[in-house]
N, C-alpha and C. Protein backbone atom coordinates (compact mmCIF):
# COMPACT_ATOMS: atom_id res chain seq x y z
N MET A 1 101.57 67.34 111.25
CA MET A 1 100.75 67.80 112.08
C MET A 1 101.32 67.50 113.41
N SER A 2 101.56 68.78 114.20
CA SER A 2 102.51 68.81 115.44
C SER A 2 101.39 68.92 116.46
N GLN A 3 101.63 67.96 117.43
CA GLN A 3 100.45 67.84 118.57
C GLN A 3 101.40 68.11 119.91
N GLY A 4 100.72 68.97 120.53
CA GLY A 4 101.46 69.00 121.86
C GLY A 4 100.31 68.34 122.87
N SER A 5 100.62 67.96 123.95
CA SER A 5 99.73 67.58 125.18
C SER A 5 98.55 68.03 125.38
N GLU A 6 98.19 69.21 124.92
CA GLU A 6 96.98 69.78 124.76
C GLU A 6 95.97 69.90 123.72
N ASP A 7 96.52 69.34 122.64
CA ASP A 7 96.40 68.93 121.40
C ASP A 7 95.33 67.71 121.32
N ILE A 8 96.02 66.94 122.15
CA ILE A 8 95.51 65.35 122.42
C ILE A 8 94.26 65.06 122.99
N THR A 9 93.38 64.23 122.14
CA THR A 9 92.01 63.90 122.89
C THR A 9 91.83 62.55 122.57
N THR A 10 90.99 62.09 123.65
CA THR A 10 90.77 60.88 123.43
C THR A 10 89.16 60.59 123.32
N THR A 11 89.28 59.11 122.49
CA THR A 11 87.68 58.89 122.15
C THR A 11 87.16 57.81 122.97
N ASN A 12 85.91 57.57 123.48
CA ASN A 12 85.73 56.58 124.00
C ASN A 12 84.95 55.56 122.95
N LEU A 13 85.82 54.35 122.19
CA LEU A 13 85.16 53.64 121.35
C LEU A 13 83.60 52.86 121.53
N VAL A 14 83.59 52.63 122.84
CA VAL A 14 82.74 51.77 123.21
C VAL A 14 81.35 52.90 123.38
N ALA A 15 81.61 54.18 123.93
CA ALA A 15 80.65 55.20 123.84
C ALA A 15 80.06 55.33 122.25
N GLU A 16 81.45 55.54 121.52
CA GLU A 16 81.29 56.14 120.24
C GLU A 16 80.17 54.69 119.29
N GLN A 17 80.75 53.40 119.97
CA GLN A 17 79.81 52.25 118.97
C GLN A 17 78.25 52.43 119.53
N GLU A 18 77.93 52.81 120.80
CA GLU A 18 76.48 52.76 121.18
C GLU A 18 75.75 54.02 120.63
N LYS A 19 76.34 55.15 120.35
CA LYS A 19 75.91 56.31 119.56
C LYS A 19 75.57 55.74 118.41
N LEU A 20 76.57 55.40 117.31
CA LEU A 20 76.21 55.22 116.08
C LEU A 20 74.99 53.72 115.89
N LEU A 21 75.44 53.01 116.89
CA LEU A 21 74.21 52.10 116.37
C LEU A 21 72.65 52.47 116.63
N ALA A 22 72.75 53.71 117.62
CA ALA A 22 71.37 54.21 117.81
C ALA A 22 70.88 55.34 116.57
N ALA A 23 72.00 55.74 116.28
CA ALA A 23 72.00 56.55 114.93
C ALA A 23 70.97 55.81 113.81
N ALA A 24 72.34 54.60 113.63
CA ALA A 24 71.68 53.85 112.36
C ALA A 24 70.32 53.36 112.55
N ARG A 25 70.01 52.76 113.74
CA ARG A 25 68.64 52.26 113.81
C ARG A 25 67.51 53.46 113.79
N ALA A 26 68.08 54.65 114.09
CA ALA A 26 67.23 56.05 113.33
C ALA A 26 67.11 56.40 112.00
N ALA A 27 67.91 55.92 111.69
CA ALA A 27 68.53 56.52 109.92
C ALA A 27 67.59 55.86 109.15
N ARG A 28 66.95 56.07 108.10
CA ARG A 28 66.29 55.27 106.91
C ARG A 28 67.46 54.10 106.04
N SER A 29 68.95 54.85 106.08
CA SER A 29 69.66 53.92 105.48
C SER A 29 70.07 52.87 106.41
N GLN A 30 69.81 52.71 107.42
CA GLN A 30 70.30 51.68 108.37
C GLN A 30 71.95 51.77 108.79
N ARG A 31 72.39 53.12 108.47
CA ARG A 31 73.67 53.14 108.89
C ARG A 31 74.05 54.37 109.35
N ALA A 32 75.18 54.58 110.05
CA ALA A 32 75.88 55.85 110.80
C ALA A 32 77.29 55.62 110.57
N ALA A 33 78.14 56.83 110.61
CA ALA A 33 79.72 56.88 110.77
C ALA A 33 79.97 58.22 111.30
N ASP A 34 81.08 58.19 111.65
CA ASP A 34 81.57 59.37 112.40
C ASP A 34 83.41 59.17 112.60
N THR A 35 84.03 60.57 112.05
CA THR A 35 85.52 60.25 112.22
C THR A 35 85.98 60.33 113.32
N VAL A 36 86.71 59.44 113.83
CA VAL A 36 87.09 59.20 115.38
C VAL A 36 88.59 59.52 115.16
N TYR A 37 89.41 59.88 114.08
CA TYR A 37 90.44 60.18 114.29
C TYR A 37 91.02 60.96 112.64
N GLY A 38 91.60 61.97 112.59
CA GLY A 38 92.04 62.61 111.66
C GLY A 38 90.94 63.48 110.79
N SER A 39 90.89 63.97 109.43
CA SER A 39 90.45 65.00 108.88
C SER A 39 90.50 64.84 107.31
N ARG A 40 89.77 65.67 106.65
CA ARG A 40 90.18 65.65 105.28
C ARG A 40 91.53 66.16 105.20
N ASP A 41 92.08 66.64 105.64
CA ASP A 41 93.17 67.36 105.52
C ASP A 41 94.47 66.43 105.93
N THR A 42 94.52 65.07 106.85
CA THR A 42 95.30 64.51 107.11
C THR A 42 95.37 62.80 106.10
N VAL A 43 96.68 62.38 106.37
CA VAL A 43 96.82 61.25 105.57
C VAL A 43 96.66 59.86 106.03
N LEU A 44 96.43 60.11 107.31
CA LEU A 44 95.66 58.87 108.20
C LEU A 44 94.43 59.28 108.80
N ARG A 45 93.27 58.35 108.56
CA ARG A 45 91.71 59.03 109.04
C ARG A 45 91.53 57.46 109.46
N GLN A 46 90.61 57.69 110.53
CA GLN A 46 89.61 56.61 111.31
C GLN A 46 88.28 56.77 111.36
N THR A 47 87.57 55.98 110.55
CA THR A 47 86.32 56.34 110.95
C THR A 47 85.47 55.01 111.27
N MET A 48 84.68 55.54 112.38
CA MET A 48 83.65 54.28 112.87
C MET A 48 82.19 54.13 111.91
N LEU A 49 82.08 52.97 111.70
CA LEU A 49 80.83 53.02 111.16
C LEU A 49 79.91 51.81 111.81
N ALA A 50 78.69 52.10 111.70
CA ALA A 50 77.61 50.95 112.05
C ALA A 50 76.66 50.91 111.21
N LEU A 51 76.44 49.42 110.69
CA LEU A 51 75.50 49.16 109.91
C LEU A 51 74.58 48.03 110.27
N LEU A 52 73.21 48.11 110.13
CA LEU A 52 72.19 46.97 110.51
C LEU A 52 72.24 46.00 109.93
N ALA A 53 71.78 44.96 110.22
CA ALA A 53 71.59 43.72 109.73
C ALA A 53 70.94 43.90 108.34
N GLY A 54 71.82 43.68 107.21
CA GLY A 54 70.99 43.70 105.69
C GLY A 54 71.70 44.95 105.12
N ALA A 55 72.00 45.88 106.15
CA ALA A 55 72.79 47.22 105.19
C ALA A 55 73.78 46.61 104.65
N GLU A 56 74.35 47.71 103.54
CA GLU A 56 75.29 47.53 102.84
C GLU A 56 76.06 48.71 102.48
N LEU A 57 77.46 48.69 101.97
CA LEU A 57 78.21 49.62 101.60
C LEU A 57 78.52 49.33 99.63
N ALA A 58 77.75 49.77 99.17
CA ALA A 58 77.67 49.32 97.46
C ALA A 58 79.39 49.25 97.31
N GLU A 59 79.71 48.24 96.10
CA GLU A 59 80.81 48.32 95.40
C GLU A 59 81.51 49.63 95.28
N HIS A 60 82.46 49.80 95.64
CA HIS A 60 83.60 51.27 95.69
C HIS A 60 85.13 50.77 95.46
N ASP A 61 85.62 51.72 94.87
CA ASP A 61 87.13 51.64 94.83
C ASP A 61 87.89 51.53 96.15
N SER A 62 88.84 51.01 96.19
CA SER A 62 89.75 50.73 97.52
C SER A 62 90.68 52.17 97.60
N PRO A 63 91.33 52.55 98.98
CA PRO A 63 92.14 53.47 98.83
C PRO A 63 93.10 53.07 98.78
N PRO A 64 94.35 54.01 98.94
CA PRO A 64 95.77 53.60 98.73
C PRO A 64 95.95 52.21 99.81
N GLU A 65 95.22 52.56 100.84
CA GLU A 65 95.72 51.47 101.63
C GLU A 65 94.66 51.35 102.79
N ALA A 66 94.27 50.68 103.31
CA ALA A 66 93.08 50.71 104.39
C ALA A 66 93.31 49.41 105.26
N THR A 67 92.41 49.39 106.33
CA THR A 67 91.99 48.24 107.14
C THR A 67 90.96 48.44 107.73
N LEU A 68 90.15 47.02 108.08
CA LEU A 68 88.75 47.03 108.68
C LEU A 68 88.78 46.13 110.19
N HIS A 69 88.73 46.91 111.21
CA HIS A 69 88.60 46.04 112.32
C HIS A 69 87.06 46.17 112.91
N LEU A 70 86.69 44.88 112.95
CA LEU A 70 85.36 44.68 113.30
C LEU A 70 84.96 44.91 114.84
N LEU A 71 84.42 45.56 115.50
CA LEU A 71 84.09 45.55 116.96
C LEU A 71 83.25 44.81 117.22
N HIS A 72 81.91 44.73 116.33
CA HIS A 72 80.60 44.35 117.14
C HIS A 72 80.20 43.79 116.01
N GLY A 73 79.58 42.63 115.57
CA GLY A 73 79.13 41.95 114.68
C GLY A 73 79.19 41.02 113.82
N ARG A 74 78.71 40.79 112.80
CA ARG A 74 79.32 40.18 111.44
C ARG A 74 79.16 40.52 110.45
N VAL A 75 79.94 40.42 109.35
CA VAL A 75 79.89 41.29 107.97
C VAL A 75 80.58 40.62 107.20
N SER A 76 80.09 40.68 105.86
CA SER A 76 80.76 40.11 104.61
C SER A 76 81.51 41.01 103.61
N LEU A 77 82.50 40.96 103.82
CA LEU A 77 83.46 42.02 102.47
C LEU A 77 83.78 41.12 101.25
N ILE A 78 83.30 41.78 100.18
CA ILE A 78 83.21 41.11 98.99
C ILE A 78 84.27 41.81 98.00
N GLY A 79 85.15 41.03 97.54
CA GLY A 79 86.22 41.80 96.43
C GLY A 79 86.07 40.96 95.03
N LYS A 80 86.84 40.93 94.17
CA LYS A 80 86.80 40.19 93.13
C LYS A 80 86.90 38.97 93.48
N ARG A 81 86.02 38.14 92.79
CA ARG A 81 86.16 36.82 92.95
C ARG A 81 86.25 36.14 94.04
N ARG A 82 86.24 37.18 95.20
CA ARG A 82 86.65 36.67 96.69
C ARG A 82 85.92 37.17 97.66
N SER A 83 85.70 36.54 99.01
CA SER A 83 85.13 36.99 100.03
C SER A 83 85.71 36.87 101.28
N TRP A 84 85.45 37.62 102.30
CA TRP A 84 85.60 37.42 103.87
C TRP A 84 84.16 37.31 104.42
N GLU A 85 84.34 36.49 105.49
CA GLU A 85 83.20 36.53 106.49
C GLU A 85 83.90 37.14 107.77
N LEU A 86 83.35 38.23 108.22
CA LEU A 86 84.20 38.84 109.57
C LEU A 86 83.50 38.44 110.83
N VAL A 87 84.05 38.45 111.85
CA VAL A 87 83.52 38.39 113.40
C VAL A 87 84.40 39.24 114.13
N ALA A 88 83.16 39.96 115.19
CA ALA A 88 84.18 40.73 116.08
C ALA A 88 85.13 40.38 116.52
N GLY A 89 86.14 41.39 116.27
CA GLY A 89 87.69 41.01 116.89
C GLY A 89 88.37 40.90 115.60
N ASP A 90 87.88 40.52 114.44
CA ASP A 90 88.66 40.26 113.24
C ASP A 90 89.46 41.93 112.58
N LEU A 91 90.47 41.66 112.12
CA LEU A 91 90.86 43.10 111.84
C LEU A 91 91.65 42.61 109.91
N VAL A 92 90.94 43.06 109.31
CA VAL A 92 91.77 42.74 108.06
C VAL A 92 91.96 43.81 106.89
N PRO A 93 93.07 43.65 106.12
CA PRO A 93 93.58 44.77 105.21
C PRO A 93 92.32 44.64 104.11
N ILE A 94 92.17 45.85 103.57
CA ILE A 94 90.98 46.10 102.86
C ILE A 94 91.63 45.71 101.25
N PRO A 95 91.37 44.90 100.38
CA PRO A 95 91.90 44.43 99.18
C PRO A 95 92.16 45.63 98.17
N PRO A 96 93.22 45.77 97.53
CA PRO A 96 93.63 46.49 96.67
C PRO A 96 92.44 46.79 95.23
N GLU A 97 91.15 46.51 95.36
CA GLU A 97 90.42 46.34 94.63
C GLU A 97 89.08 46.88 94.52
N ARG A 98 88.29 46.95 94.03
CA ARG A 98 86.63 47.27 94.16
C ARG A 98 86.03 46.15 94.82
N HIS A 99 84.72 46.90 95.77
CA HIS A 99 84.81 45.86 96.84
C HIS A 99 83.34 46.34 97.36
N SER A 100 82.81 45.55 98.08
CA SER A 100 81.54 46.01 98.88
C SER A 100 81.42 45.56 100.43
N LEU A 101 80.43 45.73 101.14
CA LEU A 101 80.45 44.97 102.45
C LEU A 101 78.89 44.95 102.89
N THR A 102 78.54 43.79 103.45
CA THR A 102 77.26 43.53 103.66
C THR A 102 77.35 43.50 105.25
N ALA A 103 76.63 43.90 106.13
CA ALA A 103 76.30 43.58 107.40
C ALA A 103 75.27 42.36 107.54
N LEU A 104 75.86 41.35 108.18
CA LEU A 104 75.06 39.94 108.12
C LEU A 104 74.40 40.15 109.55
N GLU A 105 74.82 41.05 110.61
CA GLU A 105 74.11 41.26 111.91
C GLU A 105 74.49 42.75 112.13
N ASP A 106 73.65 43.32 112.82
CA ASP A 106 74.03 44.90 113.22
C ASP A 106 75.69 44.63 113.80
N SER A 107 76.38 45.96 113.32
CA SER A 107 77.66 45.51 113.13
C SER A 107 78.16 46.86 113.35
N VAL A 108 79.49 47.07 113.83
CA VAL A 108 80.33 48.22 114.11
C VAL A 108 81.88 47.81 113.87
N PHE A 109 82.14 48.78 113.28
CA PHE A 109 83.81 48.41 112.63
C PHE A 109 84.52 50.07 112.41
N VAL A 110 85.82 49.76 112.66
CA VAL A 110 86.65 51.14 112.52
C VAL A 110 87.31 50.68 111.12
N LEU A 111 87.32 51.80 110.16
CA LEU A 111 88.07 51.83 108.79
C LEU A 111 89.05 52.58 109.14
N THR A 112 90.30 52.14 108.98
CA THR A 112 91.68 52.98 108.88
C THR A 112 91.71 53.23 107.53
N VAL A 113 92.10 54.18 106.87
CA VAL A 113 92.56 54.74 105.81
C VAL A 113 94.26 55.53 105.57
N ILE A 114 95.05 54.92 104.99
CA ILE A 114 95.91 56.14 104.51
C ILE A 114 95.50 56.62 103.40
N ARG A 115 95.28 57.81 102.81
CA ARG A 115 94.73 58.25 101.64
C ARG A 115 96.08 58.66 100.40
N ALA A 116 97.36 58.71 101.18
CA ALA A 116 98.29 58.86 100.29
C ALA A 116 99.54 59.09 101.30
N THR A 117 100.70 58.88 100.61
CA THR A 117 102.13 58.45 101.51
C THR A 117 102.45 60.07 101.61
N ALA A 118 103.34 59.97 102.60
CA ALA A 118 103.87 61.42 102.52
C ALA A 118 105.33 61.78 101.89
N HIS A 119 105.63 60.49 101.49
CA HIS A 119 107.07 60.45 100.87
C HIS A 119 107.18 59.18 100.00
N PRO A 120 107.45 59.07 98.47
CA PRO A 120 107.35 57.81 97.95
C PRO A 120 108.59 57.08 98.67
N ILE A 121 108.24 55.62 98.74
CA ILE A 121 109.40 54.90 99.40
C ILE A 121 110.51 55.01 99.01
N ASP A 122 110.88 55.24 97.59
CA ASP A 122 112.31 55.00 97.05
C ASP A 122 113.00 56.76 96.86
N THR A 123 112.11 57.78 97.48
CA THR A 123 112.67 58.74 97.38
C THR A 123 113.13 59.45 98.45
N HIS A 124 114.05 60.21 98.83
CA HIS A 124 114.37 60.95 100.03
C HIS A 124 114.39 62.47 100.02
N PRO A 125 113.81 63.31 100.86
CA PRO A 125 114.09 64.65 100.49
C PRO A 125 115.04 65.46 100.03
N HIS A 126 116.48 64.42 100.42
CA HIS A 126 117.94 65.09 99.34
C HIS A 126 118.17 64.44 98.28
N GLY A 127 117.11 63.54 97.79
CA GLY A 127 117.44 63.02 96.57
C GLY A 127 117.23 61.14 96.72
N THR A 128 117.65 60.76 96.19
CA THR A 128 117.12 59.06 96.06
C THR A 128 117.91 58.45 96.88
N ILE A 129 116.96 57.60 97.60
CA ILE A 129 117.77 56.78 98.85
C ILE A 129 118.76 55.37 97.93
N PRO A 130 119.86 55.32 98.18
CA PRO A 130 120.70 54.31 97.73
C PRO A 130 120.32 52.91 97.83
N THR A 131 120.44 52.26 97.14
CA THR A 131 119.85 50.57 97.41
C THR A 131 120.98 49.86 97.24
């Protein structure tokens, strides 16, 4: 993806957070989400999610690589035989295993996902990289 200066847009995460919390309060599911960077066609994608206290993301598979950055609230990230309680400001890599997430308070976080690598680490466009 090539971006000139005219293609770059900014997203105010504070305003986005407020918008998503309002949407979550109005939603039957008690959650709302919006992509703040990337698309279904990009390798990197950042999605902001708002979950009201008690709302959850049911157990699901982990993407190839991802982080969760909690902006507001408190959540519990539950993996295989382990869990993490996160507070606003925490950044954690998503474990490479099935996991779920529960909002312990009204919460907002940014999920950053790399869905695939552009090139395998041990290859190069002109052949294998010597080690």
